[in-house]
Amino acid sequence: MERLYELDLSGTTLKELPSSISNLIGLVYLSLNDCENLVCLPDSFYKLKSLERLTLQGCSRLEIFPEVMDTMEWLRDLDLSGTALKELPFSIANLIGLKYLGLNNCENLICL
């Protein structure tokens, strides 16, 4: 599925994404908005090298965002609004192309 460009899983009952998501090497846009049961993203998530936009808005059980490797240099928009994140990893600084970071209504966020 290297030609899959956009994947919208919004509103599904997923608890976690399979590590095989990293095989979608051409994925540019991934939407997981309002996946209220989602608790984690796979460690292999950073392998989505083509990803430009990731939306996790309303994933109210998502407490941990995975470490970010320098391979995600194309990520421009990251929306974590309404998640249960307590902190962001220091490696978020590796997102050198990031233009938008949404953190609205992250009521548990205590450290940036």
PDB file of N, CA and C in Angstrom:
ATOM      1  N   MET A   1       0.823  -1.206   0.000  1.00  0.00           N
ATOM      2  CA  MET A   1       0.000   0.000   0.000  1.00  0.00           C
ATOM      3  C   MET A   1       0.857   1.255   0.000  1.00  0.00           C
ATOM      4  N   GLU A   2       1.950   1.219  -0.711  1.00  0.00           N
ATOM      5  CA  GLU A   2       2.837   2.363  -0.712  1.00  0.00           C
ATOM      6  C   GLU A   2       2.239   3.573  -1.415  1.00  0.00           C
ATOM      7  N   ARG A   3       1.148   3.397  -2.131  1.00  0.00           N
ATOM      8  CA  ARG A   3       0.517   4.524  -2.825  1.00  0.00           C
ATOM      9  C   ARG A   3      -0.606   5.165  -2.017  1.00  0.00           C
ATOM     10  N   LEU A   4      -0.919   4.606  -0.860  1.00  0.00           N
ATOM     11  CA  LEU A   4      -1.952   5.204  -0.016  1.00  0.00           C
ATOM     12  C   LEU A   4      -1.440   6.550   0.487  1.00  0.00           C
ATOM     13  N   TYR A   5      -2.182   7.585   0.190  1.00  0.00           N
ATOM     14  CA  TYR A   5      -1.786   8.959   0.441  1.00  0.00           C
ATOM     15  C   TYR A   5      -2.451   9.517   1.697  1.00  0.00           C
ATOM     16  N   GLU A   6      -3.704   9.150   1.899  1.00  0.00           N
ATOM     17  CA  GLU A   6      -4.494   9.702   2.996  1.00  0.00           C
ATOM     18  C   GLU A   6      -5.260   8.582   3.678  1.00  0.00           C
ATOM     19  N   LEU A   7      -5.274   8.606   5.017  1.00  0.00           N
ATOM     20  CA  LEU A   7      -5.991   7.604   5.793  1.00  0.00           C
ATOM     21  C   LEU A   7      -6.751   8.308   6.904  1.00  0.00           C
ATOM     22  N   ASP A   8      -8.066   8.146   6.910  1.00  0.00           N
ATOM     23  CA  ASP A   8      -8.918   8.766   7.917  1.00  0.00           C
ATOM     24  C   ASP A   8      -9.583   7.666   8.739  1.00  0.00           C
ATOM     25  N   LEU A   9      -9.164   7.548   9.987  1.00  0.00           N
ATOM     26  CA  LEU A   9      -9.721   6.559  10.912  1.00  0.00           C
ATOM     27  C   LEU A   9     -10.491   7.251  12.036  1.00  0.00           C
ATOM     28  N   SER A  10     -10.910   8.466  11.810  1.00  0.00           N
ATOM     29  CA  SER A  10     -11.610   9.259  12.821  1.00  0.00           C
ATOM     30  C   SER A  10     -12.844   8.546  13.345  1.00  0.00           C
ATOM     31  N   GLY A  11     -13.033   8.638  14.663  1.00  0.00           N
ATOM     32  CA  GLY A  11     -14.230   8.097  15.291  1.00  0.00           C
ATOM     33  C   GLY A  11     -14.260   6.591  15.445  1.00  0.00           C
ATOM     34  N   THR A  12     -13.184   5.906  15.119  1.00  0.00           N
ATOM     35  CA  THR A  12     -13.166   4.448  15.277  1.00  0.00           C
ATOM     36  C   THR A  12     -12.890   4.083  16.736  1.00  0.00           C
ATOM     37  N   THR A  13     -13.049   2.813  17.066  1.00  0.00           N
ATOM     38  CA  THR A  13     -12.849   2.347  18.444  1.00  0.00           C
ATOM     39  C   THR A  13     -11.468   1.725  18.657  1.00  0.00           C
ATOM     40  N   LEU A  14     -10.525   2.076  17.812  1.00  0.00           N
ATOM     41  CA  LEU A  14      -9.159   1.563  17.950  1.00  0.00           C
ATOM     42  C   LEU A  14      -8.574   1.901  19.315  1.00  0.00           C
ATOM     43  N   LYS A  15      -7.900   0.927  19.920  1.00  0.00           N
ATOM     44  CA  LYS A  15      -7.178   1.179  21.167  1.00  0.00           C
ATOM     45  C   LYS A  15      -5.725   1.514  20.887  1.00  0.00           C
ATOM     46  N   GLU A  16      -5.213   0.942  19.815  1.00  0.00           N
ATOM     47  CA  GLU A  16      -3.851   1.247  19.392  1.00  0.00           C
ATOM     48  C   GLU A  16      -3.719   0.971  17.906  1.00  0.00           C
ATOM     49  N   LEU A  17      -2.766   1.613  17.303  1.00  0.00           N
ATOM     50  CA  LEU A  17      -2.479   1.368  15.891  1.00  0.00           C
ATOM     51  C   LEU A  17      -1.501   0.204  15.797  1.00  0.00           C
ATOM     52  N   PRO A  18      -1.646  -0.635  14.805  1.00  0.00           N
ATOM     53  CA  PRO A  18      -0.679  -1.723  14.648  1.00  0.00           C
ATOM     54  C   PRO A  18       0.678  -1.163  14.218  1.00  0.00           C
ATOM     55  N   SER A  19       1.731  -1.840  14.607  1.00  0.00           N
ATOM     56  CA  SER A  19       3.069  -1.377  14.224  1.00  0.00           C
ATOM     57  C   SER A  19       3.254  -1.407  12.708  1.00  0.00           C
ATOM     58  N   SER A  20       2.442  -2.202  12.033  1.00  0.00           N
ATOM     59  CA  SER A  20       2.528  -2.292  10.570  1.00  0.00           C
ATOM     60  C   SER A  20       2.109  -0.994   9.876  1.00  0.00           C
ATOM     61  N   ILE A  21       1.562  -0.040  10.623  1.00  0.00           N
ATOM     62  CA  ILE A  21       1.206   1.256  10.033  1.00  0.00           C
ATOM     63  C   ILE A  21       2.447   1.885   9.400  1.00  0.00           C
ATOM     64  N   SER A  22       3.607   1.554   9.931  1.00  0.00           N
ATOM     65  CA  SER A  22       4.852   2.129   9.411  1.00  0.00           C
ATOM     66  C   SER A  22       5.172   1.647   8.000  1.00  0.00           C
ATOM     67  N   ASN A  23       4.465   0.630   7.529  1.00  0.00           N
ATOM     68  CA  ASN A  23       4.654   0.148   6.160  1.00  0.00           C
ATOM     69  C   ASN A  23       4.000   1.058   5.123  1.00  0.00           C
ATOM     70  N   LEU A  24       3.177   1.986   5.567  1.00  0.00           N
ATOM     71  CA  LEU A  24       2.499   2.916   4.656  1.00  0.00           C
ATOM     72  C   LEU A  24       3.446   4.071   4.345  1.00  0.00           C
ATOM     73  N   ILE A  25       4.474   3.773   3.592  1.00  0.00           N
ATOM     74  CA  ILE A  25       5.567   4.724   3.402  1.00  0.00           C
ATOM     75  C   ILE A  25       5.190   5.966   2.595  1.00  0.00           C
ATOM     76  N   GLY A  26       4.099   5.927   1.862  1.00  0.00           N
ATOM     77  CA  GLY A  26       3.666   7.083   1.083  1.00  0.00           C
ATOM     78  C   GLY A  26       2.607   7.914   1.777  1.00  0.00           C
ATOM     79  N   LEU A  27       2.245   7.543   3.007  1.00  0.00           N
ATOM     80  CA  LEU A  27       1.169   8.230   3.719  1.00  0.00           C
ATOM     81  C   LEU A  27       1.562   9.670   4.032  1.00  0.00           C
ATOM     82  N   VAL A  28       0.707  10.606   3.626  1.00  0.00           N
ATOM     83  CA  VAL A  28       0.959  12.030   3.826  1.00  0.00           C
ATOM     84  C   VAL A  28       0.033  12.598   4.901  1.00  0.00           C
ATOM     85  N   TYR A  29      -1.185  12.079   4.992  1.00  0.00           N
ATOM     86  CA  TYR A  29      -2.171  12.600   5.945  1.00  0.00           C
ATOM     87  C   TYR A  29      -2.800  11.448   6.707  1.00  0.00           C
ATOM     88  N   LEU A  30      -2.762  11.546   8.033  1.00  0.00           N
ATOM     89  CA  LEU A  30      -3.380  10.544   8.895  1.00  0.00           C
ATOM     90  C   LEU A  30      -4.258  11.251   9.905  1.00  0.00           C
ATOM     91  N   SER A  31      -5.547  10.921   9.891  1.00  0.00           N
ATOM     92  CA  SER A  31      -6.494  11.509  10.824  1.00  0.00           C
ATOM     93  C   SER A  31      -7.036  10.438  11.758  1.00  0.00           C
ATOM     94  N   LEU A  32      -6.874  10.691  13.050  1.00  0.00           N
ATOM     95  CA  LEU A  32      -7.395   9.806  14.091  1.00  0.00           C
ATOM     96  C   LEU A  32      -8.271  10.606  15.055  1.00  0.00           C
ATOM     97  N   ASN A  33      -8.897  11.645  14.559  1.00  0.00           N
ATOM     98  CA  ASN A  33      -9.735  12.493  15.402  1.00  0.00           C
ATOM     99  C   ASN A  33     -10.826  11.686  16.092  1.00  0.00           C
ATOM    100  N   ASP A  34     -11.054  12.012  17.358  1.00  0.00           N
ATOM    101  CA  ASP A  34     -12.146  11.435  18.152  1.00  0.00           C
ATOM    102  C   ASP A  34     -12.080   9.915  18.271  1.00  0.00           C
ATOM    103  N   CYS A  35     -10.887   9.357  18.252  1.00  0.00           N
ATOM    104  CA  CYS A  35     -10.700   7.929  18.564  1.00  0.00           C
ATOM    105  C   CYS A  35     -10.540   7.860  20.083  1.00  0.00           C
ATOM    106  N   GLU A  36     -11.652   7.880  20.783  1.00  0.00           N
ATOM    107  CA  GLU A  36     -11.657   8.043  22.232  1.00  0.00           C
ATOM    108  C   GLU A  36     -11.038   6.877  22.992  1.00  0.00           C
ATOM    109  N   ASN A  37     -10.878   5.727  22.357  1.00  0.00           N
ATOM    110  CA  ASN A  37     -10.264   4.578  23.023  1.00  0.00           C
ATOM    111  C   ASN A  37      -8.767   4.463  22.753  1.00  0.00           C
ATOM    112  N   LEU A  38      -8.245   5.293  21.867  1.00  0.00           N
ATOM    113  CA  LEU A  38      -6.833   5.215  21.495  1.00  0.00           C
ATOM    114  C   LEU A  38      -5.956   5.611  22.681  1.00  0.00           C
ATOM    115  N   VAL A  39      -5.079   4.692  23.099  1.00  0.00           N
ATOM    116  CA  VAL A  39      -4.227   4.965  24.255  1.00  0.00           C
ATOM    117  C   VAL A  39      -2.756   5.141  23.887  1.00  0.00           C
ATOM    118  N   CYS A  40      -2.349   4.646  22.720  1.00  0.00           N
ATOM    119  CA  CYS A  40      -0.936   4.791  22.359  1.00  0.00           C
ATOM    120  C   CYS A  40      -0.732   4.684  20.857  1.00  0.00           C
ATOM    121  N   LEU A  41       0.394   5.196  20.444  1.00  0.00           N
ATOM    122  CA  LEU A  41       0.853   5.076  19.064  1.00  0.00           C
ATOM    123  C   LEU A  41       2.057   4.141  19.077  1.00  0.00           C
ATOM    124  N   PRO A  42       2.257   3.369  18.038  1.00  0.00           N
ATOM    125  CA  PRO A  42       3.381   2.424  18.041  1.00  0.00           C
ATOM    126  C   PRO A  42       4.732   3.143  18.010  1.00  0.00           C
ATOM    127  N   ASP A  43       5.736   2.511  18.594  1.00  0.00           N
ATOM    128  CA  ASP A  43       7.082   3.085  18.585  1.00  0.00           C
ATOM    129  C   ASP A  43       7.621   3.244  17.171  1.00  0.00           C
ATOM    130  N   SER A  44       7.128   2.426  16.260  1.00  0.00           N
ATOM    131  CA  SER A  44       7.594   2.480  14.868  1.00  0.00           C
ATOM    132  C   SER A  44       6.950   3.628  14.085  1.00  0.00           C
ATOM    133  N   PHE A  45       6.158   4.427  14.759  1.00  0.00           N
ATOM    134  CA  PHE A  45       5.419   5.511  14.125  1.00  0.00           C
ATOM    135  C   PHE A  45       6.333   6.477  13.371  1.00  0.00           C
ATOM    136  N   TYR A  46       7.521   6.682  13.896  1.00  0.00           N
ATOM    137  CA  TYR A  46       8.466   7.619  13.290  1.00  0.00           C
ATOM    138  C   TYR A  46       8.891   7.206  11.880  1.00  0.00           C
ATOM    139  N   LYS A  47       8.609   5.980  11.490  1.00  0.00           N
ATOM    140  CA  LYS A  47       8.994   5.504  10.161  1.00  0.00           C
ATOM    141  C   LYS A  47       8.101   6.055   9.049  1.00  0.00           C
ATOM    142  N   LEU A  48       7.047   6.764   9.419  1.00  0.00           N
ATOM    143  CA  LEU A  48       6.172   7.389   8.422  1.00  0.00           C
ATOM    144  C   LEU A  48       6.858   8.661   7.911  1.00  0.00           C
ATOM    145  N   LYS A  49       7.867   8.474   7.110  1.00  0.00           N
ATOM    146  CA  LYS A  49       8.743   9.564   6.674  1.00  0.00           C
ATOM    147  C   LYS A  49       8.054  10.597   5.794  1.00  0.00           C
ATOM    148  N   SER A  50       6.994  10.215   5.097  1.00  0.00           N
ATOM    149  CA  SER A  50       6.306  11.137   4.186  1.00  0.00           C
ATOM    150  C   SER A  50       5.187  11.915   4.863  1.00  0.00           C
ATOM    151  N   LEU A  51       4.890  11.577   6.109  1.00  0.00           N
ATOM    152  CA  LEU A  51       3.747  12.180   6.803  1.00  0.00           C
ATOM    153  C   LEU A  51       3.925  13.690   6.944  1.00  0.00           C
ATOM    154  N   GLU A  52       2.919  14.431   6.494  1.00  0.00           N
ATOM    155  CA  GLU A  52       2.924  15.891   6.587  1.00  0.00           C
ATOM    156  C   GLU A  52       1.906  16.400   7.597  1.00  0.00           C
ATOM    157  N   ARG A  53       0.842  15.634   7.795  1.00  0.00           N
ATOM    158  CA  ARG A  53      -0.231  16.104   8.675  1.00  0.00           C
ATOM    159  C   ARG A  53      -0.748  14.945   9.512  1.00  0.00           C
ATOM    160  N   LEU A  54      -0.777  15.147  10.823  1.00  0.00           N
ATOM    161  CA  LEU A  54      -1.270  14.147  11.762  1.00  0.00           C
ATOM    162  C   LEU A  54      -2.240  14.822  12.714  1.00  0.00           C
ATOM    163  N   THR A  55      -3.472  14.337  12.744  1.00  0.00           N
ATOM    164  CA  THR A  55      -4.467  14.910  13.644  1.00  0.00           C
ATOM    165  C   THR A  55      -4.956  13.840  14.607  1.00  0.00           C
ATOM    166  N   LEU A  56      -4.839  14.157  15.887  1.00  0.00           N
ATOM    167  CA  LEU A  56      -5.256  13.268  16.974  1.00  0.00           C
ATOM    168  C   LEU A  56      -6.237  13.987  17.893  1.00  0.00           C
ATOM    169  N   GLN A  57      -6.885  14.984  17.375  1.00  0.00           N
ATOM    170  CA  GLN A  57      -7.797  15.807  18.161  1.00  0.00           C
ATOM    171  C   GLN A  57      -8.909  14.956  18.765  1.00  0.00           C
ATOM    172  N   GLY A  58      -9.127  15.117  20.078  1.00  0.00           N
ATOM    173  CA  GLY A  58     -10.216  14.416  20.750  1.00  0.00           C
ATOM    174  C   GLY A  58      -9.907  12.982  21.140  1.00  0.00           C
ATOM    175  N   CYS A  59      -8.663  12.563  21.018  1.00  0.00           N
ATOM    176  CA  CYS A  59      -8.258  11.219  21.487  1.00  0.00           C
ATOM    177  C   CYS A  59      -8.026  11.337  22.990  1.00  0.00           C
ATOM    178  N   SER A  60      -9.104  11.330  23.734  1.00  0.00           N
ATOM    179  CA  SER A  60      -9.096  11.716  25.143  1.00  0.00           C
ATOM    180  C   SER A  60      -8.383  10.745  26.079  1.00  0.00           C
ATOM    181  N   ARG A  61      -7.979   9.583  25.592  1.00  0.00           N
ATOM    182  CA  ARG A  61      -7.225   8.634  26.430  1.00  0.00           C
ATOM    183  C   ARG A  61      -5.753   8.546  26.038  1.00  0.00           C
ATOM    184  N   LEU A  62      -5.369   9.297  25.047  1.00  0.00           N
ATOM    185  CA  LEU A  62      -3.979   9.272  24.595  1.00  0.00           C
ATOM    186  C   LEU A  62      -3.116  10.067  25.573  1.00  0.00           C
ATOM    187  N   GLU A  63      -2.280   9.361  26.334  1.00  0.00           N
ATOM    188  CA  GLU A  63      -1.464   9.993  27.368  1.00  0.00           C
ATOM    189  C   GLU A  63      -0.003  10.170  26.979  1.00  0.00           C
ATOM    190  N   ILE A  64       0.467   9.382  26.012  1.00  0.00           N
ATOM    191  CA  ILE A  64       1.886   9.410  25.662  1.00  0.00           C
ATOM    192  C   ILE A  64       2.049   9.578  24.156  1.00  0.00           C
ATOM    193  N   PHE A  65       2.875  10.530  23.786  1.00  0.00           N
ATOM    194  CA  PHE A  65       3.239  10.696  22.382  1.00  0.00           C
ATOM    195  C   PHE A  65       4.621  10.082  22.219  1.00  0.00           C
ATOM    196  N   PRO A  66       4.825   9.253  21.195  1.00  0.00           N
ATOM    197  CA  PRO A  66       6.105   8.540  21.070  1.00  0.00           C
ATOM    198  C   PRO A  66       7.280   9.468  20.772  1.00  0.00           C
ATOM    199  N   GLU A  67       8.469   8.944  21.031  1.00  0.00           N
ATOM    200  CA  GLU A  67       9.688   9.674  20.692  1.00  0.00           C
ATOM    201  C   GLU A  67       9.698   9.948  19.188  1.00  0.00           C
ATOM    202  N   VAL A  68      10.208  11.091  18.826  1.00  0.00           N
ATOM    203  CA  VAL A  68      10.234  11.514  17.428  1.00  0.00           C
ATOM    204  C   VAL A  68      11.666  11.428  16.913  1.00  0.00           C
ATOM    205  N   MET A  69      11.843  10.694  15.845  1.00  0.00           N
ATOM    206  CA  MET A  69      13.166  10.601  15.228  1.00  0.00           C
ATOM    207  C   MET A  69      13.275  11.655  14.126  1.00  0.00           C
ATOM    208  N   ASP A  70      14.480  11.954  13.733  1.00  0.00           N
ATOM    209  CA  ASP A  70      14.697  12.992  12.726  1.00  0.00           C
ATOM    210  C   ASP A  70      14.185  12.617  11.344  1.00  0.00           C
ATOM    211  N   THR A  71      13.683  11.404  11.198  1.00  0.00           N
ATOM    212  CA  THR A  71      13.157  10.968   9.902  1.00  0.00           C
ATOM    213  C   THR A  71      11.807  11.607   9.568  1.00  0.00           C
ATOM    214  N   MET A  72      11.160  12.239  10.527  1.00  0.00           N
ATOM    215  CA  MET A  72       9.839  12.837  10.292  1.00  0.00           C
ATOM    216  C   MET A  72       9.962  14.320   9.936  1.00  0.00           C
ATOM    217  N   GLU A  73      10.916  14.638   9.099  1.00  0.00           N
ATOM    218  CA  GLU A  73      11.185  16.031   8.779  1.00  0.00           C
ATOM    219  C   GLU A  73      10.093  16.699   7.953  1.00  0.00           C
ATOM    220  N   TRP A  74       9.187  15.935   7.346  1.00  0.00           N
ATOM    221  CA  TRP A  74       8.131  16.510   6.510  1.00  0.00           C
ATOM    222  C   TRP A  74       6.877  16.866   7.296  1.00  0.00           C
ATOM    223  N   LEU A  75       6.781  16.438   8.549  1.00  0.00           N
ATOM    224  CA  LEU A  75       5.571  16.715   9.330  1.00  0.00           C
ATOM    225  C   LEU A  75       5.423  18.217   9.539  1.00  0.00           C
ATOM    226  N   ARG A  76       4.315  18.763   9.051  1.00  0.00           N
ATOM    227  CA  ARG A  76       4.054  20.205   9.119  1.00  0.00           C
ATOM    228  C   ARG A  76       2.986  20.549  10.158  1.00  0.00           C
ATOM    229  N   ASP A  77       1.944  19.728  10.229  1.00  0.00           N
ATOM    230  CA  ASP A  77       0.814  19.997  11.119  1.00  0.00           C
ATOM    231  C   ASP A  77       0.623  18.824  12.066  1.00  0.00           C
ATOM    232  N   LEU A  78       0.594  19.139  13.361  1.00  0.00           N
ATOM    233  CA  LEU A  78       0.371  18.128  14.391  1.00  0.00           C
ATOM    234  C   LEU A  78      -0.669  18.666  15.351  1.00  0.00           C
ATOM    235  N   ASP A  79      -1.837  18.035  15.374  1.00  0.00           N
ATOM    236  CA  ASP A  79      -2.916  18.489  16.250  1.00  0.00           C
ATOM    237  C   ASP A  79      -3.144  17.455  17.339  1.00  0.00           C
ATOM    238  N   LEU A  80      -2.808  17.837  18.566  1.00  0.00           N
ATOM    239  CA  LEU A  80      -2.961  16.974  19.737  1.00  0.00           C
ATOM    240  C   LEU A  80      -4.029  17.526  20.677  1.00  0.00           C
ATOM    241  N   SER A  81      -4.868  18.409  20.189  1.00  0.00           N
ATOM    242  CA  SER A  81      -5.899  19.050  21.006  1.00  0.00           C
ATOM    243  C   SER A  81      -6.847  18.025  21.605  1.00  0.00           C
ATOM    244  N   GLY A  82      -7.182  18.230  22.878  1.00  0.00           N
ATOM    245  CA  GLY A  82      -8.160  17.369  23.535  1.00  0.00           C
ATOM    246  C   GLY A  82      -7.646  15.991  23.902  1.00  0.00           C
ATOM    247  N   THR A  83      -6.328  15.815  23.912  1.00  0.00           N
ATOM    248  CA  THR A  83      -5.757  14.535  24.336  1.00  0.00           C
ATOM    249  C   THR A  83      -5.446  14.592  25.833  1.00  0.00           C
ATOM    250  N   ALA A  84      -5.052  13.456  26.396  1.00  0.00           N
ATOM    251  CA  ALA A  84      -4.723  13.375  27.820  1.00  0.00           C
ATOM    252  C   ALA A  84      -3.214  13.465  28.058  1.00  0.00           C
ATOM    253  N   LEU A  85      -2.483  14.010  27.098  1.00  0.00           N
ATOM    254  CA  LEU A  85      -1.029  14.115  27.232  1.00  0.00           C
ATOM    255  C   LEU A  85      -0.645  14.913  28.468  1.00  0.00           C
ATOM    256  N   LYS A  86       0.358  14.408  29.182  1.00  0.00           N
ATOM    257  CA  LYS A  86       0.881  15.109  30.352  1.00  0.00           C
ATOM    258  C   LYS A  86       2.120  15.911  29.991  1.00  0.00           C
ATOM    259  N   GLU A  87       2.848  15.417  28.993  1.00  0.00           N
ATOM    260  CA  GLU A  87       4.043  16.105  28.524  1.00  0.00           C
ATOM    261  C   GLU A  87       4.354  15.668  27.105  1.00  0.00           C
ATOM    262  N   LEU A  88       5.181  16.436  26.457  1.00  0.00           N
ATOM    263  CA  LEU A  88       5.661  16.090  25.121  1.00  0.00           C
ATOM    264  C   LEU A  88       7.104  15.620  25.250  1.00  0.00           C
ATOM    265  N   PRO A  89       7.518  14.672  24.431  1.00  0.00           N
ATOM    266  CA  PRO A  89       8.914  14.236  24.516  1.00  0.00           C
ATOM    267  C   PRO A  89       9.854  15.350  24.054  1.00  0.00           C
ATOM    268  N   PHE A  90      11.052  15.382  24.634  1.00  0.00           N
ATOM    269  CA  PHE A  90      12.042  16.378  24.213  1.00  0.00           C
ATOM    270  C   PHE A  90      12.344  16.256  22.728  1.00  0.00           C
ATOM    271  N   SER A  91      12.193  15.053  22.213  1.00  0.00           N
ATOM    272  CA  SER A  91      12.509  14.802  20.804  1.00  0.00           C
ATOM    273  C   SER A  91      11.532  15.479  19.847  1.00  0.00           C
ATOM    274  N   ILE A  92      10.496  16.126  20.374  1.00  0.00           N
ATOM    275  CA  ILE A  92       9.561  16.858  19.512  1.00  0.00           C
ATOM    276  C   ILE A  92      10.334  17.941  18.743  1.00  0.00           C
ATOM    277  N   ALA A  93      11.471  18.341  19.286  1.00  0.00           N
ATOM    278  CA  ALA A  93      12.320  19.339  18.626  1.00  0.00           C
ATOM    279  C   ALA A  93      12.884  18.817  17.310  1.00  0.00           C
ATOM    280  N   ASN A  94      12.844  17.511  17.095  1.00  0.00           N
ATOM    281  CA  ASN A  94      13.313  16.929  15.835  1.00  0.00           C
ATOM    282  C   ASN A  94      12.369  17.221  14.674  1.00  0.00           C
ATOM    283  N   LEU A  95      11.183  17.717  14.966  1.00  0.00           N
ATOM    284  CA  LEU A  95      10.213  18.042  13.914  1.00  0.00           C
ATOM    285  C   LEU A  95      10.554  19.422  13.348  1.00  0.00           C
ATOM    286  N   ILE A  96      11.605  19.474  12.572  1.00  0.00           N
ATOM    287  CA  ILE A  96      12.131  20.757  12.107  1.00  0.00           C
ATOM    288  C   ILE A  96      11.226  21.463  11.103  1.00  0.00           C
ATOM    289  N   GLY A  97      10.316  20.734  10.487  1.00  0.00           N
ATOM    290  CA  GLY A  97       9.407  21.338   9.519  1.00  0.00           C
ATOM    291  C   GLY A  97       8.058  21.711  10.102  1.00  0.00           C
ATOM    292  N   LEU A  98       7.879  21.494  11.405  1.00  0.00           N
ATOM    293  CA  LEU A  98       6.579  21.724  12.037  1.00  0.00           C
ATOM    294  C   LEU A  98       6.189  23.196  11.976  1.00  0.00           C
ATOM    295  N   LYS A  99       4.990  23.455  11.449  1.00  0.00           N
ATOM    296  CA  LYS A  99       4.472  24.823  11.351  1.00  0.00           C
ATOM    297  C   LYS A  99       3.299  25.043  12.306  1.00  0.00           C
ATOM    298  N   TYR A 100       2.561  23.965  12.617  1.00  0.00           N
ATOM    299  CA  TYR A 100       1.401  24.086  13.498  1.00  0.00           C
ATOM    300  C   TYR A 100       1.411  22.955  14.517  1.00  0.00           C
ATOM    301  N   LEU A 101       1.295  23.320  15.779  1.00  0.00           N
ATOM    302  CA  LEU A 101       1.160  22.355  16.862  1.00  0.00           C
ATOM    303  C   LEU A 101      -0.058  22.743  17.672  1.00  0.00           C
ATOM    304  N   GLY A 102      -1.118  21.933  17.604  1.00  0.00           N
ATOM    305  CA  GLY A 102      -2.349  22.218  18.329  1.00  0.00           C
ATOM    306  C   GLY A 102      -2.375  21.491  19.659  1.00  0.00           C
ATOM    307  N   LEU A 103      -2.536  22.265  20.737  1.00  0.00           N
ATOM    308  CA  LEU A 103      -2.587  21.698  22.085  1.00  0.00           C
ATOM    309  C   LEU A 103      -3.783  22.225  22.870  1.00  0.00           C
ATOM    310  N   ASN A 104      -4.810  22.700  22.175  1.00  0.00           N
ATOM    311  CA  ASN A 104      -6.003  23.215  22.854  1.00  0.00           C
ATOM    312  C   ASN A 104      -6.645  22.126  23.700  1.00  0.00           C
ATOM    313  N   ASN A 105      -7.136  22.501  24.850  1.00  0.00           N
ATOM    314  CA  ASN A 105      -7.885  21.604  25.736  1.00  0.00           C
ATOM    315  C   ASN A 105      -7.107  20.362  26.156  1.00  0.00           C
ATOM    316  N   CYS A 106      -5.793  20.468  26.243  1.00  0.00           N
ATOM    317  CA  CYS A 106      -4.968  19.390  26.809  1.00  0.00           C
ATOM    318  C   CYS A 106      -4.847  19.684  28.304  1.00  0.00           C
ATOM    319  N   GLU A 107      -5.873  19.340  29.041  1.00  0.00           N
ATOM    320  CA  GLU A 107      -5.992  19.733  30.440  1.00  0.00           C
ATOM    321  C   GLU A 107      -4.973  19.064  31.354  1.00  0.00           C
ATOM    322  N   ASN A 108      -4.402  17.944  30.936  1.00  0.00           N
ATOM    323  CA  ASN A 108      -3.416  17.241  31.759  1.00  0.00           C
ATOM    324  C   ASN A 108      -1.986  17.668  31.457  1.00  0.00           C
ATOM    325  N   LEU A 109      -1.802  18.496  30.443  1.00  0.00           N
ATOM    326  CA  LEU A 109      -0.463  18.887  30.010  1.00  0.00           C
ATOM    327  C   LEU A 109       0.198  19.771  31.066  1.00  0.00           C
ATOM    328  N   ILE A 110       1.316  19.287  31.608  1.00  0.00           N
ATOM    329  CA  ILE A 110       2.009  20.047  32.652  1.00  0.00           C
ATOM    330  C   ILE A 110       3.411  20.473  32.233  1.00  0.00           C
ATOM    331  N   CYS A 111       3.913  19.899  31.153  1.00  0.00           N
ATOM    332  CA  CYS A 111       5.284  20.189  30.750  1.00  0.00           C
ATOM    333  C   CYS A 111       5.407  20.176  29.233  1.00  0.00           C
ATOM    334  N   LEU A 112       6.010  21.224  28.692  1.00  0.00           N
ATOM    335  CA  LEU A 112       6.285  21.291  27.252  1.00  0.00           C
ATOM    336  C   LEU A 112       7.757  21.037  27.005  1.00  0.00           C
TER     337      LEU A 112
END
